Amino acid sequence: MKGMKALATVALLSLTAAPPARAQTPLTEGIQIGLSTDAVSITAGFSGADLTIFGSLENPDPLVARQGRYDVIVVLEGPPKPVVVRRKDRVLGVWINLDSETFENVPVSYSVATTRPLQDITEPNSYKQLSLGASNLYMQPADAGDSPATIEEFTAALRERKAAAGLYSENVGGVQFLSQNLFRATVRLAPNVPVGTHKARAFLFKSGLFIKESSAQLEIRKSGFEQSIFRVAHDYSFLYGVFAISLAMVTGWLGRLVFRKD
């Protein structure tokens, strides 16, 4: 009997001393993207194409996914380069360049794909903080001393010029969920897409709040004969310039011989 009481006492002490069960910490959602290839080759006859990017959500909340409260924005951003924007004015009947503004590190191309219209995903301030979307890209002026009104005017003109050239585009509905955690994005490659290293970026939003970002790189390069000329022009720019001028002179001289009047 005493042995039974002793065992009961030990069991009670064990239960009393056992630490309370810890509440399970919810896993944080994440996002990953993958490209089917890390390089795209284009030729002189390239007329544009759609690039498909696949991705997945990590640790998605099933309830949030069923309610459609996850949104994804995918961006394909071209290599940054300085850009000069000039404004022409008519003076004495002649159009001349009067003012100009130089911007640094401007993406030469910027294609966006979204699950829904941007205004339906999150607040405008969120896009500005993330510099997300063509209208929210921060264009850094080379001369910060210019007036804000002047900078804003030239910034708007730069965005309009890029959009008119097809280099800045937006594909609403271009991101589609294939399941609760898998999605597919389609971004547009313009016919005049620049060569170089492009960056694919995916932004995950939950109920209008930014959660996480993921990125991958894509190399766009010329192929065939165009690639050979492009490489020579960049690696041996001086010799290429001399050759181009010499070829133009010889062509002009031959043209005069062929078409001269006796």
Protein backbone atom coordinates (compact mmCIF):
# COMPACT_ATOMS: atom_id res chain seq x y z
CA MET A 1 0.00 0.00 0.00
CA LYS A 2 2.83 2.35 0.91
CA GLY A 3 4.49 1.46 -2.42
CA MET A 4 1.37 2.44 -4.32
CA LYS A 5 1.21 5.79 -2.49
CA ALA A 6 4.87 6.42 -3.27
CA LEU A 7 4.33 5.77 -6.99
CA ALA A 8 1.30 8.04 -7.03
CA THR A 9 3.30 10.78 -5.32
CA VAL A 10 6.14 10.47 -7.86
CA ALA A 11 3.67 10.58 -10.76
CA LEU A 12 2.00 13.68 -9.33
CA LEU A 13 5.35 15.40 -8.88
CA SER A 14 6.30 14.52 -12.44
CA LEU A 15 3.11 16.03 -13.80
CA THR A 16 3.56 19.12 -11.66
CA ALA A 17 7.18 19.59 -12.70
CA ALA A 18 6.48 19.10 -16.40
CA PRO A 19 6.88 22.42 -18.26
CA PRO A 20 3.79 23.80 -20.00
CA ALA A 21 3.49 23.01 -23.70
CA ARG A 22 4.78 25.85 -25.88
CA ALA A 23 2.43 27.43 -28.35
CA GLN A 24 3.43 26.52 -31.89
CA THR A 25 4.94 29.50 -33.72
CA PRO A 26 3.25 30.02 -37.10
CA LEU A 27 5.58 29.65 -40.06
CA THR A 28 6.33 32.79 -42.05
CA GLU A 29 5.20 32.83 -45.66
CA GLY A 30 7.81 33.14 -48.37
CA ILE A 31 8.06 33.16 -52.15
CA GLN A 32 10.43 31.59 -54.68
CA ILE A 33 10.68 31.91 -58.46
CA GLY A 34 12.49 29.91 -61.09
CA LEU A 35 13.36 30.45 -64.74
CA SER A 36 13.37 27.64 -67.27
CA THR A 37 16.58 29.10 -68.66
CA ASP A 38 19.14 31.60 -67.43
CA ALA A 39 19.79 33.02 -70.92
CA VAL A 40 17.69 34.09 -73.91
CA SER A 41 19.24 34.58 -77.36
CA ILE A 42 17.67 36.99 -79.83
CA THR A 43 18.39 37.73 -83.49
CA ALA A 44 17.97 40.80 -85.67
CA GLY A 45 14.49 39.62 -86.66
CA PHE A 46 13.27 39.31 -83.06
CA SER A 47 9.70 40.63 -82.88
CA GLY A 48 9.07 40.28 -79.17
CA ALA A 49 8.00 37.34 -77.03
CA ASP A 50 6.34 36.35 -73.78
CA LEU A 51 8.56 35.05 -71.00
CA THR A 52 6.99 32.60 -68.54
CA ILE A 53 8.20 32.55 -64.94
CA PHE A 54 7.05 29.90 -62.46
CA GLY A 55 7.03 30.34 -58.72
CA SER A 56 5.72 28.99 -55.45
CA LEU A 57 4.61 30.24 -52.05
CA GLU A 58 6.31 28.83 -48.97
CA ASN A 59 4.17 27.96 -45.93
CA PRO A 60 0.97 29.53 -47.30
CA ASP A 61 -2.04 29.77 -45.02
CA PRO A 62 -4.70 27.49 -46.60
CA LEU A 63 -7.55 29.72 -45.44
CA VAL A 64 -5.93 32.88 -46.84
CA ALA A 65 -5.21 31.06 -50.11
CA ARG A 66 -8.80 29.84 -50.44
CA GLN A 67 -10.08 33.35 -49.81
CA GLY A 68 -7.80 34.73 -52.54
CA ARG A 69 -5.99 37.13 -50.20
CA TYR A 70 -2.53 36.36 -51.58
CA ASP A 71 -1.30 38.58 -54.42
CA VAL A 72 1.90 38.31 -56.44
CA ILE A 73 3.59 40.95 -58.58
CA VAL A 74 6.40 39.84 -60.90
CA VAL A 75 8.80 42.31 -62.52
CA LEU A 76 11.44 41.80 -65.20
CA GLU A 77 13.83 44.72 -64.83
CA GLY A 78 16.45 45.54 -67.44
CA PRO A 79 20.01 46.64 -66.71
CA PRO A 80 20.29 50.18 -65.27
CA LYS A 81 21.86 52.90 -67.40
CA PRO A 82 22.05 56.71 -67.37
CA VAL A 83 19.45 58.45 -69.54
CA VAL A 84 19.33 62.02 -70.84
CA VAL A 85 15.89 63.53 -71.46
CA ARG A 86 15.74 66.66 -73.61
CA ARG A 87 12.94 69.14 -74.10
CA LYS A 88 12.51 70.84 -77.45
CA ASP A 89 11.03 74.29 -77.84
CA ARG A 90 10.23 76.28 -80.96
CA VAL A 91 12.44 79.34 -81.32
CA LEU A 92 12.05 81.57 -84.39
CA GLY A 93 10.31 78.75 -86.22
CA VAL A 94 13.03 76.19 -85.45
CA TRP A 95 12.78 73.34 -82.92
CA ILE A 96 15.87 73.25 -80.72
CA ASN A 97 16.86 71.51 -77.48
CA LEU A 98 16.71 74.06 -74.67
CA ASP A 99 16.56 72.04 -71.44
CA SER A 100 17.69 68.57 -70.46
CA GLU A 101 17.78 66.34 -67.41
CA THR A 102 20.08 63.39 -66.76
CA PHE A 103 18.88 60.43 -64.71
CA GLU A 104 21.18 57.78 -63.26
CA ASN A 105 20.60 54.02 -63.03
CA VAL A 106 17.34 53.96 -64.99
CA PRO A 107 16.17 50.42 -65.94
CA VAL A 108 16.27 50.28 -69.73
CA SER A 109 13.20 48.02 -69.66
CA TYR A 110 10.57 47.22 -67.05
CA SER A 111 7.82 44.62 -67.55
CA VAL A 112 5.24 43.96 -64.83
CA ALA A 113 2.76 41.11 -64.37
CA THR A 114 0.18 41.11 -61.57
CA THR A 115 -2.62 38.97 -60.15
CA ARG A 116 -4.95 41.98 -60.08
CA PRO A 117 -4.82 45.70 -60.92
CA LEU A 118 -2.17 47.42 -58.82
CA GLN A 119 -4.67 49.70 -57.10
CA ASP A 120 -6.53 46.62 -55.82
CA ILE A 121 -3.49 44.95 -54.22
CA THR A 122 -2.06 47.47 -51.76
CA GLU A 123 -1.79 51.17 -50.91
CA PRO A 124 0.07 53.62 -53.21
CA ASN A 125 2.60 54.39 -50.45
CA SER A 126 3.63 50.72 -50.37
CA TYR A 127 4.54 50.84 -54.05
CA LYS A 128 6.56 54.00 -53.54
CA GLN A 129 8.47 52.47 -50.62
CA LEU A 130 9.23 49.38 -52.68
CA SER A 131 9.85 51.40 -55.88
CA LEU A 132 7.47 48.93 -57.50
CA GLY A 133 5.67 49.63 -60.77
CA ALA A 134 6.71 51.87 -63.66
CA SER A 135 4.90 54.88 -62.21
CA ASN A 136 6.63 54.39 -58.84
CA LEU A 137 10.18 53.75 -60.02
CA TYR A 138 12.58 56.20 -58.43
CA MET A 139 14.43 58.06 -61.18
CA GLN A 140 17.55 59.48 -59.58
CA PRO A 141 18.47 62.86 -61.11
CA ALA A 142 22.16 63.49 -61.66
CA ASP A 143 21.70 67.07 -60.45
CA ALA A 144 19.73 66.97 -57.21
CA GLY A 145 19.77 70.77 -57.12
CA ASP A 146 17.14 71.10 -59.85
CA SER A 147 13.69 72.16 -58.77
CA PRO A 148 11.24 69.36 -57.84
CA ALA A 149 8.81 70.59 -60.50
CA THR A 150 11.47 70.31 -63.22
CA ILE A 151 12.54 66.86 -62.07
CA GLU A 152 8.93 65.66 -61.97
CA GLU A 153 8.28 67.02 -65.47
CA PHE A 154 11.26 65.24 -67.00
CA THR A 155 10.55 62.07 -65.00
CA ALA A 156 7.02 61.90 -66.41
CA ALA A 157 8.38 62.48 -69.92
CA LEU A 158 10.91 59.66 -69.47
CA ARG A 159 8.22 57.22 -68.33
CA GLU A 160 5.99 58.18 -71.27
CA ARG A 161 8.84 57.69 -73.72
CA LYS A 162 9.67 54.26 -72.31
CA ALA A 163 6.01 53.19 -72.41
CA ALA A 164 5.59 54.44 -75.99
CA ALA A 165 8.62 52.39 -77.04
CA GLY A 166 7.12 49.28 -75.42
CA LEU A 167 9.99 49.00 -72.95
CA TYR A 168 7.79 49.71 -69.92
CA SER A 169 4.69 47.50 -69.88
CA GLU A 170 2.11 46.11 -67.47
CA ASN A 171 0.19 42.83 -67.79
CA VAL A 172 -2.76 42.83 -65.38
CA GLY A 173 -3.80 39.24 -64.72
CA GLY A 174 -0.44 38.03 -66.02
CA VAL A 175 0.13 36.16 -62.74
CA GLN A 176 -2.17 33.18 -62.24
CA PHE A 177 -2.28 30.72 -59.35
CA LEU A 178 -2.17 27.10 -60.53
CA SER A 179 -2.80 25.81 -56.99
CA GLN A 180 -2.75 27.19 -53.46
CA ASN A 181 1.02 27.63 -53.61
CA LEU A 182 2.07 27.43 -57.29
CA PHE A 183 1.77 30.32 -59.73
CA ARG A 184 2.75 31.27 -63.27
CA ALA A 185 3.69 34.74 -64.48
CA THR A 186 3.89 36.01 -68.06
CA VAL A 187 5.97 39.11 -68.78
CA ARG A 188 6.49 40.74 -72.15
CA LEU A 189 9.84 41.01 -73.94
CA ALA A 190 9.65 43.98 -76.32
CA PRO A 191 11.08 43.68 -79.85
CA ASN A 192 13.72 46.23 -78.86
CA VAL A 193 14.52 44.60 -75.52
CA PRO A 194 18.11 45.50 -74.59
CA VAL A 195 20.81 42.89 -74.18
CA GLY A 196 22.44 42.45 -70.80
CA THR A 197 21.62 41.06 -67.38
CA HIS A 198 17.95 41.38 -66.47
CA LYS A 199 16.54 40.80 -63.00
CA ALA A 200 13.28 38.95 -62.35
CA ARG A 201 11.68 39.92 -59.04
CA ALA A 202 8.57 38.53 -57.35
CA PHE A 203 6.72 40.35 -54.55
CA LEU A 204 4.28 38.56 -52.24
CA PHE A 205 1.39 40.43 -50.61
CA LYS A 206 -1.04 39.10 -48.03
CA SER A 207 -4.29 40.99 -47.48
CA GLY A 208 -2.63 44.12 -48.87
CA LEU A 209 0.55 43.83 -46.78
CA PHE A 210 3.97 43.21 -48.31
CA ILE A 211 5.43 39.91 -47.04
CA LYS A 212 8.56 38.94 -48.96
CA GLU A 213 10.52 39.27 -52.21
CA SER A 214 12.49 36.80 -54.31
CA SER A 215 14.68 37.35 -57.38
CA ALA A 216 16.54 35.59 -60.18
CA GLN A 217 18.75 36.73 -63.06
CA LEU A 218 18.22 36.37 -66.80
CA GLU A 219 20.82 37.09 -69.47
CA ILE A 220 19.55 38.40 -72.81
CA ARG A 221 22.09 38.30 -75.60
CA LYS A 222 22.30 38.49 -79.37
CA SER A 223 23.02 35.35 -81.37
CA GLY A 224 24.50 34.45 -84.73
CA PHE A 225 26.12 37.06 -86.97
CA GLU A 226 24.57 39.91 -84.96
CA GLN A 227 26.32 38.64 -81.83
CA SER A 228 29.69 38.64 -83.60
CA ILE A 229 29.25 42.25 -84.75
CA PHE A 230 28.00 43.29 -81.31
CA ARG A 231 30.99 41.70 -79.59
CA VAL A 232 33.52 43.25 -81.97
CA ALA A 233 31.88 46.69 -81.60
CA HIS A 234 32.19 46.52 -77.81
CA ASP A 235 35.53 44.74 -77.44
CA TYR A 236 37.33 46.62 -80.23
CA SER A 237 35.34 49.84 -80.42
CA PHE A 238 38.16 51.95 -81.95
CA LEU A 239 38.99 49.46 -84.70
CA TYR A 240 35.28 48.92 -85.34
CA GLY A 241 34.81 52.67 -85.76
CA VAL A 242 37.74 52.92 -88.18
CA PHE A 243 36.38 49.98 -90.17
CA ALA A 244 32.87 51.46 -90.31
CA ILE A 245 34.17 54.83 -91.55
CA SER A 246 36.43 53.15 -94.12
CA LEU A 247 33.57 50.99 -95.35
CA ALA A 248 31.33 54.05 -95.72
CA MET A 249 34.03 55.88 -97.70
CA VAL A 250 34.64 52.91 -100.01
CA THR A 251 30.91 52.43 -100.54
CA GLY A 252 30.50 56.11 -101.42
CA TRP A 253 33.45 56.00 -103.81
CA LEU A 254 32.09 52.90 -105.57
CA GLY A 255 28.68 54.54 -105.80
CA ARG A 256 30.17 57.53 -107.57
CA LEU A 257 31.96 55.24 -110.04
CA VAL A 258 28.83 53.26 -110.81
CA PHE A 259 26.44 56.18 -111.16
CA ARG A 260 28.71 58.88 -112.58
CA LYS A 261 27.72 60.40 -115.88
CA ASP A 262 30.12 60.12 -118.79
